[in-house]
Structure formats: C-alpha cells, structure tokens
Amino acid sequence: MLEKIRVPRLGPGRPRKRPDSVAADKGYSNGPCREYVRRRGIRHTIPEKIDSQAARLRKGSRRSRPPGFGEEQYKKRNTVERAINRLKNSRAVATRYDKRGYVFLGTVTAALVIWLRS
C-alpha cells in the first residue's frame, strides 16, 4: 500500500512558484509585459528600446521616469546567452545526432573547451 509523504512547509500558504527576478531582452520591453511582471511581484531587468526612450523624452514635462535597469544582472544574462549560442553552433550537441557515445562526448568536450577559453 502506498503511503503519502508529507513535506513540511516553511511558511503559511502555498509554496512560491515564481522566480525572484527576470532578465529579458528588448523584445519584452513593452508596457503589457512590464505590467504583467510587476503585477506578479517579480523584479525585472529589461532594457528600454531606443524609440521608447525617444517617445518618453518627447513628452517633455509629462514624461514618465525611465524603468529600472540592473546593468550587472543584464551582463550575467548576456554571458549565459552567449555560452548557450556557442553550444548551439555545434549541432551535434544540440540535436544529439551522433550514433556513438564517444563521438558525442568529444563534441561536448570541444564545445566546453571553446566556452572556457572565452
């Protein structure tokens, strides 16, 4: 017979299912995306588009303040994204079409060496 395993909670209510913060690119800098993230209580690092900056500055004294931007967090996001893109350059790693395990291991090793050199 199966027994239920009880997992103790650290606090009242349901466990948190959302991230503490989000780092996205300029494609997500529109108002509805920012409002959604704010409404959920998630801190975000999203750079503002150049045309959005120009429109905000064009409003003059009626303009709103620029959205917050964590430069250090965005640098970390960019580093991770570049590393993933380098791994994607090796299609054998991304699609695992290698038939032999040692060939796949060699491809992964080569990709890691390239990543560690940069």
Protein backbone atom coordinates (compact mmCIF):
# COMPACT_ATOMS: atom_id res chain seq x y z
CA MET A 1 0.00 0.00 0.00
CA LEU A 2 1.28 3.49 -0.88
CA GLU A 3 1.86 5.98 1.88
CA LYS A 4 1.58 9.73 1.47
CA ILE A 5 4.78 11.59 2.15
CA ARG A 6 4.23 14.86 3.98
CA VAL A 7 6.58 17.67 3.06
CA PRO A 8 6.83 20.33 5.77
CA ARG A 9 6.17 23.89 4.62
CA LEU A 10 8.43 26.72 5.63
CA GLY A 11 5.59 29.22 5.96
CA PRO A 12 1.84 29.55 5.61
CA GLY A 13 0.12 29.16 2.25
CA ARG A 14 1.24 27.63 -1.00
CA PRO A 15 4.91 27.40 -1.94
CA ARG A 16 6.27 30.15 -4.18
CA LYS A 17 6.14 29.13 -7.86
CA ARG A 18 7.56 32.25 -9.49
CA PRO A 19 11.11 33.50 -9.93
CA ASP A 20 12.62 36.25 -7.82
CA SER A 21 13.75 38.20 -10.88
CA VAL A 22 13.65 38.07 -14.68
CA ALA A 23 16.25 39.32 -17.18
CA ALA A 24 14.87 39.71 -20.70
CA ASP A 25 15.94 41.38 -23.93
CA LYS A 26 14.49 44.47 -25.64
CA GLY A 27 11.76 42.44 -27.31
CA TYR A 28 9.93 42.31 -23.96
CA SER A 29 10.23 46.00 -23.10
CA ASN A 30 6.63 46.87 -24.00
CA GLY A 31 4.16 48.09 -21.41
CA PRO A 32 1.98 44.99 -21.05
CA CYS A 33 4.99 42.72 -20.42
CA ARG A 34 6.39 45.07 -17.78
CA GLU A 35 2.97 45.46 -16.12
CA TYR A 36 2.46 41.69 -16.00
CA VAL A 37 5.81 41.11 -14.33
CA ARG A 38 5.21 43.95 -11.84
CA ARG A 39 1.72 42.66 -11.04
CA ARG A 40 3.17 39.25 -10.18
CA GLY A 41 5.71 40.88 -7.86
CA ILE A 42 8.77 39.85 -9.88
CA ARG A 43 11.75 42.18 -10.17
CA HIS A 44 12.86 42.58 -13.78
CA THR A 45 15.82 43.72 -15.82
CA ILE A 46 14.62 44.67 -19.29
CA PRO A 47 16.48 47.30 -21.35
CA GLU A 48 14.37 50.06 -22.85
CA LYS A 49 14.16 50.39 -26.63
CA ILE A 50 15.68 53.48 -28.23
CA ASP A 51 12.38 54.55 -29.80
CA SER A 52 10.63 54.15 -26.43
CA GLN A 53 13.24 56.38 -24.84
CA ALA A 54 12.74 58.97 -27.57
CA ALA A 55 8.95 58.89 -27.15
CA ARG A 56 9.29 59.28 -23.38
CA LEU A 57 11.66 62.24 -23.77
CA ARG A 58 9.43 63.84 -26.44
CA LYS A 59 6.59 64.14 -23.93
CA GLY A 60 8.54 66.83 -22.09
CA SER A 61 7.45 67.58 -18.55
CA ARG A 62 4.64 65.00 -18.84
CA ARG A 63 7.11 62.19 -19.42
CA SER A 64 7.36 59.26 -17.09
CA ARG A 65 10.50 58.18 -15.35
CA PRO A 66 12.70 55.58 -17.05
CA PRO A 67 12.16 51.98 -15.94
CA GLY A 68 14.74 50.50 -13.60
CA PHE A 69 17.58 48.58 -15.21
CA GLY A 70 20.08 46.33 -13.39
CA GLU A 71 23.20 46.52 -15.52
CA GLU A 72 25.15 43.86 -13.63
CA GLN A 73 22.29 41.35 -13.81
CA TYR A 74 21.89 42.01 -17.55
CA LYS A 75 25.62 41.37 -18.10
CA LYS A 76 25.27 37.97 -16.43
CA ARG A 77 22.26 37.15 -18.64
CA ASN A 78 24.22 38.11 -21.73
CA THR A 79 27.15 35.90 -20.72
CA VAL A 80 24.90 32.88 -20.25
CA GLU A 81 23.10 33.52 -23.55
CA ARG A 82 26.38 33.77 -25.47
CA ALA A 83 27.58 30.49 -23.93
CA ILE A 84 24.38 28.74 -24.99
CA ASN A 85 24.68 30.15 -28.50
CA ARG A 86 28.22 28.80 -28.75
CA LEU A 87 26.95 25.36 -27.77
CA LYS A 88 24.22 25.66 -30.39
CA ASN A 89 26.88 26.24 -33.04
CA SER A 90 27.76 22.61 -32.65
CA ARG A 91 24.61 20.97 -34.00
CA ALA A 92 25.70 17.57 -32.78
CA VAL A 93 25.38 18.82 -29.21
CA ALA A 94 22.02 20.49 -29.80
CA THR A 95 20.37 17.63 -31.73
CA ARG A 96 22.36 14.61 -30.48
CA TYR A 97 22.61 13.02 -33.90
CA ASP A 98 25.85 11.25 -33.03
CA LYS A 99 25.39 7.49 -33.00
CA ARG A 100 28.35 6.67 -30.80
CA GLY A 101 28.73 7.88 -27.24
CA TYR A 102 32.43 8.68 -27.55
CA VAL A 103 31.76 10.93 -30.55
CA PHE A 104 29.13 12.84 -28.60
CA LEU A 105 31.48 13.10 -25.62
CA GLY A 106 34.20 14.50 -27.88
CA THR A 107 31.82 17.10 -29.29
CA VAL A 108 30.72 18.19 -25.83
CA THR A 109 34.33 18.34 -24.67
CA ALA A 110 35.29 20.51 -27.66
CA ALA A 111 32.34 22.82 -27.02
CA LEU A 112 33.32 23.17 -23.35
CA VAL A 113 36.93 23.95 -24.26
CA ILE A 114 35.73 26.70 -26.62
CA TRP A 115 33.47 28.06 -23.88
CA LEU A 116 36.20 28.01 -21.23
CA ARG A 117 38.71 29.80 -23.47
CA SER A 118 36.43 32.80 -23.82
